Structures are given as C-alpha cells and as structure tokens.
Amino acid sequence: MRAGLERDHMDAFVAIEPESGDYFVEPTFSQAAAKARTAHPGRQAAVFRVGHDAGHYMGGAGIALTGWSTIADARCYRSASAILIQQWKSS
C-alpha cells in the first residue's frame, strides 16, 4: 500500500480507519480526516502524510504528530495506532 501511495500521491494525506481497513487520500489533513469520519461516524482514523513518518511536524524540537488528532484519541487507540504505524513503515 505504501509504495503505491508514494508513487501516486506523494505529500498527500491518507486517513486509515483501522477496523475496516478503509483509507482515504486527500490533499489536506482535514479533508482526509473528514472523509474517514463521514464514511465511519463514531470511529477514529489515523492520518499520515504520504512519504513522511508523521502527519505533522511541530517546531524545531522535532516533535511529530503521527496521525492522531488529540491525546485522548491516542490513548483510546494506542494499539490500533501501533499496528498501523508498524504496517505503514514495513510496507
């Protein structure tokens, strides 16, 4: 999946809904997250930037947000996030 996305959608954002495996590619973080939310109301999706290790980078300290929009989301979906990140990096 990663290789195909990097070939066809470099620098776009992909939202992955872990329960279904559905993913949504859009030019912005917000659009990708909104598409996933519309398709799967009440579920959380991880959002990544294609070709990057994180969806967003913050400041000069090298802090990266890897797909979860809030700390609560990260706590609730830590296992799903770890699995998605592992699959993303290995594909």
C-alpha atoms as a PDB file:
ATOM      1  CA  MET A   1       0.000   0.000   0.000  1.00  0.00           C
ATOM      2  CA  ARG A   2       2.723   2.456   0.987  1.00  0.00           C
ATOM      3  CA  ALA A   3       4.694   2.067  -2.248  1.00  0.00           C
ATOM      4  CA  GLY A   4       1.602   2.664  -4.386  1.00  0.00           C
ATOM      5  CA  LEU A   5       0.583   5.724  -2.389  1.00  0.00           C
ATOM      6  CA  GLU A   6       4.098   7.172  -2.536  1.00  0.00           C
ATOM      7  CA  ARG A   7       4.199   6.636  -6.293  1.00  0.00           C
ATOM      8  CA  ASP A   8       0.772   8.168  -6.979  1.00  0.00           C
ATOM      9  CA  HIS A   9       0.065  10.543  -4.072  1.00  0.00           C
ATOM     10  CA  MET A  10       3.363  11.840  -2.640  1.00  0.00           C
ATOM     11  CA  ASP A  11       2.818  14.520   0.062  1.00  0.00           C
ATOM     12  CA  ALA A  12      -0.957  13.922   0.179  1.00  0.00           C
ATOM     13  CA  PHE A  13      -2.634  12.776   3.406  1.00  0.00           C
ATOM     14  CA  VAL A  14      -4.107   9.322   3.955  1.00  0.00           C
ATOM     15  CA  ALA A  15      -6.645   8.585   6.694  1.00  0.00           C
ATOM     16  CA  ILE A  16      -6.806   4.899   7.632  1.00  0.00           C
ATOM     17  CA  GLU A  17      -9.792   3.551   9.583  1.00  0.00           C
ATOM     18  CA  PRO A  18      -8.315   0.549  11.435  1.00  0.00           C
ATOM     19  CA  GLU A  19     -11.456  -1.558  11.969  1.00  0.00           C
ATOM     20  CA  SER A  20     -12.445  -1.675   8.295  1.00  0.00           C
ATOM     21  CA  GLY A  21      -9.051  -1.055   6.722  1.00  0.00           C
ATOM     22  CA  ASP A  22     -10.629   1.626   4.526  1.00  0.00           C
ATOM     23  CA  TYR A  23      -8.386   4.515   3.603  1.00  0.00           C
ATOM     24  CA  PHE A  24      -8.992   7.956   2.134  1.00  0.00           C
ATOM     25  CA  VAL A  25      -6.407  10.015   0.243  1.00  0.00           C
ATOM     26  CA  GLU A  26      -6.849  13.796   0.127  1.00  0.00           C
ATOM     27  CA  PRO A  27      -4.619  16.858  -0.399  1.00  0.00           C
ATOM     28  CA  THR A  28      -5.036  18.085   3.205  1.00  0.00           C
ATOM     29  CA  PHE A  29      -5.048  16.511   6.674  1.00  0.00           C
ATOM     30  CA  SER A  30      -8.505  17.939   7.384  1.00  0.00           C
ATOM     31  CA  GLN A  31     -10.042  16.615   4.172  1.00  0.00           C
ATOM     32  CA  ALA A  32      -8.660  13.099   4.716  1.00  0.00           C
ATOM     33  CA  ALA A  33      -9.894  13.026   8.332  1.00  0.00           C
ATOM     34  CA  ALA A  34     -13.322  14.374   7.312  1.00  0.00           C
ATOM     35  CA  LYS A  35     -13.746  11.712   4.612  1.00  0.00           C
ATOM     36  CA  ALA A  36     -12.930   8.961   7.103  1.00  0.00           C
ATOM     37  CA  ARG A  37     -15.294  10.496   9.673  1.00  0.00           C
ATOM     38  CA  THR A  38     -18.104  10.714   7.112  1.00  0.00           C
ATOM     39  CA  ALA A  39     -17.620   7.118   5.968  1.00  0.00           C
ATOM     40  CA  HIS A  40     -17.296   5.746   9.511  1.00  0.00           C
ATOM     41  CA  PRO A  41     -19.080   8.003  12.022  1.00  0.00           C
ATOM     42  CA  GLY A  42     -18.075   7.360  15.607  1.00  0.00           C
ATOM     43  CA  ARG A  43     -14.790   5.688  14.685  1.00  0.00           C
ATOM     44  CA  GLN A  44     -11.302   7.168  14.794  1.00  0.00           C
ATOM     45  CA  ALA A  45      -8.861   7.171  11.894  1.00  0.00           C
ATOM     46  CA  ALA A  46      -5.103   7.576  11.823  1.00  0.00           C
ATOM     47  CA  VAL A  47      -3.925  10.244   9.381  1.00  0.00           C
ATOM     48  CA  PHE A  48      -0.471  10.078   7.820  1.00  0.00           C
ATOM     49  CA  ARG A  49       1.300  12.200   5.247  1.00  0.00           C
ATOM     50  CA  VAL A  50       2.320  10.086   2.274  1.00  0.00           C
ATOM     51  CA  GLY A  51       6.102   9.841   2.043  1.00  0.00           C
ATOM     52  CA  HIS A  52       6.633  11.107   5.610  1.00  0.00           C
ATOM     53  CA  ASP A  53       6.872   9.462   9.038  1.00  0.00           C
ATOM     54  CA  ALA A  54       4.253  11.791  10.530  1.00  0.00           C
ATOM     55  CA  GLY A  55       1.164  13.755   9.595  1.00  0.00           C
ATOM     56  CA  HIS A  56       2.556  16.985  11.066  1.00  0.00           C
ATOM     57  CA  TYR A  57       5.861  18.211  12.454  1.00  0.00           C
ATOM     58  CA  MET A  58       5.914  20.843  15.179  1.00  0.00           C
ATOM     59  CA  GLY A  59       8.631  23.371  15.939  1.00  0.00           C
ATOM     60  CA  GLY A  60      12.375  22.925  15.948  1.00  0.00           C
ATOM     61  CA  ALA A  61      12.326  20.190  18.578  1.00  0.00           C
ATOM     62  CA  GLY A  62      11.452  17.510  16.036  1.00  0.00           C
ATOM     63  CA  ILE A  63       8.104  16.634  17.616  1.00  0.00           C
ATOM     64  CA  ALA A  64       5.956  14.652  15.193  1.00  0.00           C
ATOM     65  CA  LEU A  65       2.226  14.005  15.392  1.00  0.00           C
ATOM     66  CA  THR A  66       1.727  10.576  13.913  1.00  0.00           C
ATOM     67  CA  GLY A  67      -1.857  10.514  12.868  1.00  0.00           C
ATOM     68  CA  TRP A  68      -3.983  11.151  15.965  1.00  0.00           C
ATOM     69  CA  SER A  69      -5.722  14.463  16.371  1.00  0.00           C
ATOM     70  CA  THR A  70      -5.928  14.511  20.191  1.00  0.00           C
ATOM     71  CA  ILE A  71      -4.200  12.930  23.169  1.00  0.00           C
ATOM     72  CA  ALA A  72      -7.484  11.183  24.092  1.00  0.00           C
ATOM     73  CA  ASP A  73      -7.617   9.604  20.634  1.00  0.00           C
ATOM     74  CA  ALA A  74      -4.054   8.388  21.050  1.00  0.00           C
ATOM     75  CA  ARG A  75      -4.839   6.780  24.415  1.00  0.00           C
ATOM     76  CA  CYS A  76      -8.036   5.128  23.184  1.00  0.00           C
ATOM     77  CA  TYR A  77      -6.464   3.786  20.021  1.00  0.00           C
ATOM     78  CA  ARG A  78      -2.863   3.181  21.066  1.00  0.00           C
ATOM     79  CA  SER A  79      -2.947  -0.471  19.954  1.00  0.00           C
ATOM     80  CA  ALA A  80      -4.544   0.304  16.579  1.00  0.00           C
ATOM     81  CA  SER A  81      -2.113   3.164  16.064  1.00  0.00           C
ATOM     82  CA  ALA A  82       0.908   0.994  16.833  1.00  0.00           C
ATOM     83  CA  ILE A  83      -0.307  -1.666  14.398  1.00  0.00           C
ATOM     84  CA  LEU A  84      -0.990   0.887  11.644  1.00  0.00           C
ATOM     85  CA  ILE A  85       2.373   2.595  12.125  1.00  0.00           C
ATOM     86  CA  GLN A  86       4.155  -0.763  12.048  1.00  0.00           C
ATOM     87  CA  GLN A  87       2.320  -1.789   8.873  1.00  0.00           C
ATOM     88  CA  TRP A  88       2.905   1.640   7.276  1.00  0.00           C
ATOM     89  CA  LYS A  89       6.661   1.554   7.934  1.00  0.00           C
ATOM     90  CA  SER A  90       7.047  -2.057   6.816  1.00  0.00           C
ATOM     91  CA  SER A  91       5.081  -1.758   3.557  1.00  0.00           C
END
